[in-house]
Amino acid sequence: MAAIVRLSSACRRGFKPLFYQSALLSRPLVVPHKYQEQPYLLTARIHASQALYAGPGSKAASLHWTAERVLSILLLAMGPVAYFSPGPVMDYSLAAALTLHGHWGVGQVLTDYVHGDTKIKIANAGLFLLSTVTFAGLCYFNYNDVGICKAIALLWSK
């Protein structure tokens, strides 16, 4: 909403905005009236390919983004709760939340830097294997040792 107010105030001062010129994603720029006659388009284009599993009306990316933010906020809240009331429920909750947070983070790195169908499949398989081993290791640590909460408390006590 603030962008609309700024754009309207700029239009009253002698600027004319360029609107979307194609079906591609574009970021409009504000251009003074004296440069309006230029024949080339002054927009930055982003060429994005759609995900193979998501249809054009899918909200999967939006829901995933929201879930990542909710999990991050939950992790912030889990820290003090784990310190003041350690226990098995908190240990296993931390194991699941930390593993999922790490899985999504490394998945974004792989999405940005791994290209090619075969390489993507191998990287995703490795990521799922790493996440599975991480979760199993944390659960093993919670079951057979002191647990995540008490282990962190022991590290801070020394």
Protein backbone atom coordinates (compact mmCIF):
# COMPACT_ATOMS: atom_id res chain seq x y z
CA MET A 1 0.00 0.00 0.00
CA ALA A 2 2.89 2.33 0.77
CA ALA A 3 4.29 1.73 -2.72
CA ILE A 4 1.01 2.87 -4.26
CA VAL A 5 1.07 6.08 -2.23
CA ARG A 6 4.66 6.78 -3.20
CA LEU A 7 3.97 6.05 -6.86
CA SER A 8 0.94 8.34 -6.88
CA SER A 9 2.90 11.14 -5.25
CA ALA A 10 5.65 10.70 -7.84
CA CYS A 11 3.10 10.86 -10.67
CA ARG A 12 1.85 14.23 -9.39
CA ARG A 13 5.41 15.59 -9.53
CA GLY A 14 5.90 15.03 -13.25
CA PHE A 15 6.88 11.34 -13.43
CA LYS A 16 5.02 8.69 -15.35
CA PRO A 17 5.36 5.01 -14.36
CA LEU A 18 5.96 2.29 -16.92
CA PHE A 19 3.47 -0.55 -16.65
CA TYR A 20 3.99 -4.25 -17.24
CA GLN A 21 4.66 -4.81 -20.92
CA SER A 22 4.69 -8.61 -21.12
CA ALA A 23 3.58 -11.78 -19.38
CA LEU A 24 7.06 -12.14 -17.87
CA LEU A 25 7.69 -10.89 -14.38
CA SER A 26 8.75 -7.24 -14.56
CA ARG A 27 9.68 -4.58 -12.10
CA PRO A 28 8.35 -1.21 -13.24
CA LEU A 29 10.59 1.83 -13.08
CA VAL A 30 9.59 5.46 -12.73
CA VAL A 31 10.76 7.55 -15.69
CA PRO A 32 10.61 11.37 -16.00
CA HIS A 33 8.30 12.69 -18.76
CA LYS A 34 11.19 14.10 -20.81
CA TYR A 35 12.63 10.56 -21.25
CA GLN A 36 9.27 9.01 -22.12
CA GLU A 37 9.93 9.02 -25.88
CA GLN A 38 12.81 6.54 -25.66
CA PRO A 39 12.13 3.48 -27.86
CA TYR A 40 13.48 0.84 -25.47
CA LEU A 41 11.74 -0.60 -22.44
CA LEU A 42 13.20 0.39 -19.06
CA THR A 43 12.14 -2.58 -16.97
CA ALA A 44 14.18 -5.31 -15.35
CA ARG A 45 12.92 -8.70 -16.46
CA ILE A 46 13.18 -11.86 -14.45
CA HIS A 47 12.96 -15.09 -16.41
CA ALA A 48 11.59 -17.66 -14.03
CA SER A 49 10.62 -21.20 -14.89
CA GLN A 50 7.66 -22.68 -13.09
CA ALA A 51 8.12 -25.57 -10.72
CA LEU A 52 7.23 -28.91 -12.27
CA TYR A 53 4.82 -29.91 -9.52
CA ALA A 54 2.97 -26.61 -9.09
CA GLY A 55 0.21 -25.53 -11.42
CA PRO A 56 -0.34 -21.91 -12.40
CA GLY A 57 -2.93 -21.36 -9.64
CA SER A 58 -1.01 -23.27 -6.97
CA LYS A 59 -0.35 -21.71 -3.58
CA ALA A 60 2.37 -24.23 -2.72
CA ALA A 61 5.22 -21.69 -2.78
CA SER A 62 3.31 -19.22 -0.64
CA LEU A 63 2.38 -21.89 1.90
CA HIS A 64 5.97 -23.15 2.00
CA TRP A 65 7.27 -19.62 2.61
CA THR A 66 4.74 -19.14 5.41
CA ALA A 67 5.65 -22.50 6.96
CA GLU A 68 9.35 -21.55 6.95
CA ARG A 69 8.62 -18.29 8.76
CA VAL A 70 6.33 -19.98 11.30
CA LEU A 71 9.00 -22.61 12.02
CA SER A 72 11.65 -19.91 12.47
CA ILE A 73 9.46 -18.08 14.98
CA LEU A 74 8.72 -21.35 16.78
CA LEU A 75 12.45 -22.06 17.03
CA LEU A 76 12.95 -18.65 18.64
CA ALA A 77 10.28 -19.49 21.20
CA MET A 78 11.58 -23.03 21.78
CA GLY A 79 14.95 -21.79 23.06
CA PRO A 80 13.76 -20.27 26.34
CA VAL A 81 11.13 -22.98 26.82
CA ALA A 82 13.78 -25.68 26.38
CA TYR A 83 16.05 -23.94 28.90
CA PHE A 84 13.42 -23.47 31.60
CA SER A 85 11.54 -26.75 31.20
CA PRO A 86 13.73 -29.45 29.63
CA GLY A 87 12.17 -32.81 28.99
CA PRO A 88 11.64 -35.53 26.40
CA VAL A 89 8.79 -33.71 24.63
CA MET A 90 10.94 -30.62 24.19
CA ASP A 91 13.95 -32.70 23.13
CA TYR A 92 12.04 -34.48 20.36
CA SER A 93 10.30 -31.27 19.31
CA LEU A 94 13.68 -29.59 18.96
CA ALA A 95 15.02 -32.57 17.01
CA ALA A 96 12.14 -32.35 14.53
CA ALA A 97 12.18 -28.55 14.24
CA LEU A 98 15.95 -28.25 13.84
CA THR A 99 16.04 -31.02 11.26
CA LEU A 100 13.20 -29.49 9.23
CA HIS A 101 14.74 -26.02 9.47
CA GLY A 102 18.08 -27.33 8.25
CA HIS A 103 16.42 -29.39 5.51
CA TRP A 104 14.58 -26.37 4.13
CA GLY A 105 17.67 -24.15 4.37
CA VAL A 106 20.00 -26.56 2.57
CA GLY A 107 17.20 -27.22 0.05
CA GLN A 108 17.16 -23.52 -0.84
CA VAL A 109 20.94 -23.53 -1.31
CA LEU A 110 20.63 -26.55 -3.61
CA THR A 111 17.84 -24.85 -5.56
CA ASP A 112 20.03 -21.79 -6.10
CA TYR A 113 23.31 -23.51 -6.98
CA VAL A 114 22.62 -26.97 -8.46
CA HIS A 115 21.57 -27.08 -12.11
CA GLY A 116 20.81 -29.97 -14.43
CA ASP A 117 18.17 -32.67 -13.99
CA THR A 118 20.52 -35.46 -12.91
CA LYS A 119 22.49 -33.26 -10.52
CA ILE A 120 19.28 -31.97 -8.93
CA LYS A 121 18.00 -35.51 -8.37
CA ILE A 122 21.29 -36.60 -6.81
CA ALA A 123 21.46 -33.49 -4.62
CA ASN A 124 17.86 -33.93 -3.43
CA ALA A 125 18.46 -37.60 -2.66
CA GLY A 126 21.56 -36.63 -0.68
CA LEU A 127 19.60 -33.94 1.15
CA PHE A 128 16.86 -36.38 2.14
CA LEU A 129 19.48 -38.88 3.29
CA LEU A 130 21.29 -36.19 5.32
CA SER A 131 18.03 -35.00 6.91
CA THR A 132 16.98 -38.54 7.76
CA VAL A 133 20.35 -39.35 9.34
CA THR A 134 20.30 -36.04 11.25
CA PHE A 135 16.83 -36.67 12.68
CA ALA A 136 17.69 -40.29 13.54
CA GLY A 137 20.92 -39.17 15.23
CA LEU A 138 19.16 -36.52 17.30
CA CYS A 139 16.46 -39.01 18.32
CA TYR A 140 19.14 -41.55 19.23
CA PHE A 141 20.91 -38.89 21.30
CA ASN A 142 17.64 -37.99 23.05
CA TYR A 143 16.82 -41.62 23.81
CA ASN A 144 20.25 -42.95 24.82
CA ASP A 145 21.90 -39.88 26.33
CA VAL A 146 20.89 -36.75 28.28
CA GLY A 147 18.90 -35.11 25.47
CA ILE A 148 19.37 -31.89 23.53
CA CYS A 149 18.13 -29.52 26.26
CA LYS A 150 20.32 -30.91 29.04
CA ALA A 151 23.32 -31.21 26.70
CA ILE A 152 23.11 -27.51 25.84
CA ALA A 153 22.67 -26.68 29.55
CA LEU A 154 25.79 -28.74 30.33
CA LEU A 155 27.74 -26.85 27.66
CA TRP A 156 26.71 -23.51 29.17
CA SER A 157 27.51 -24.58 32.73
CA LYS A 158 31.23 -25.09 32.09
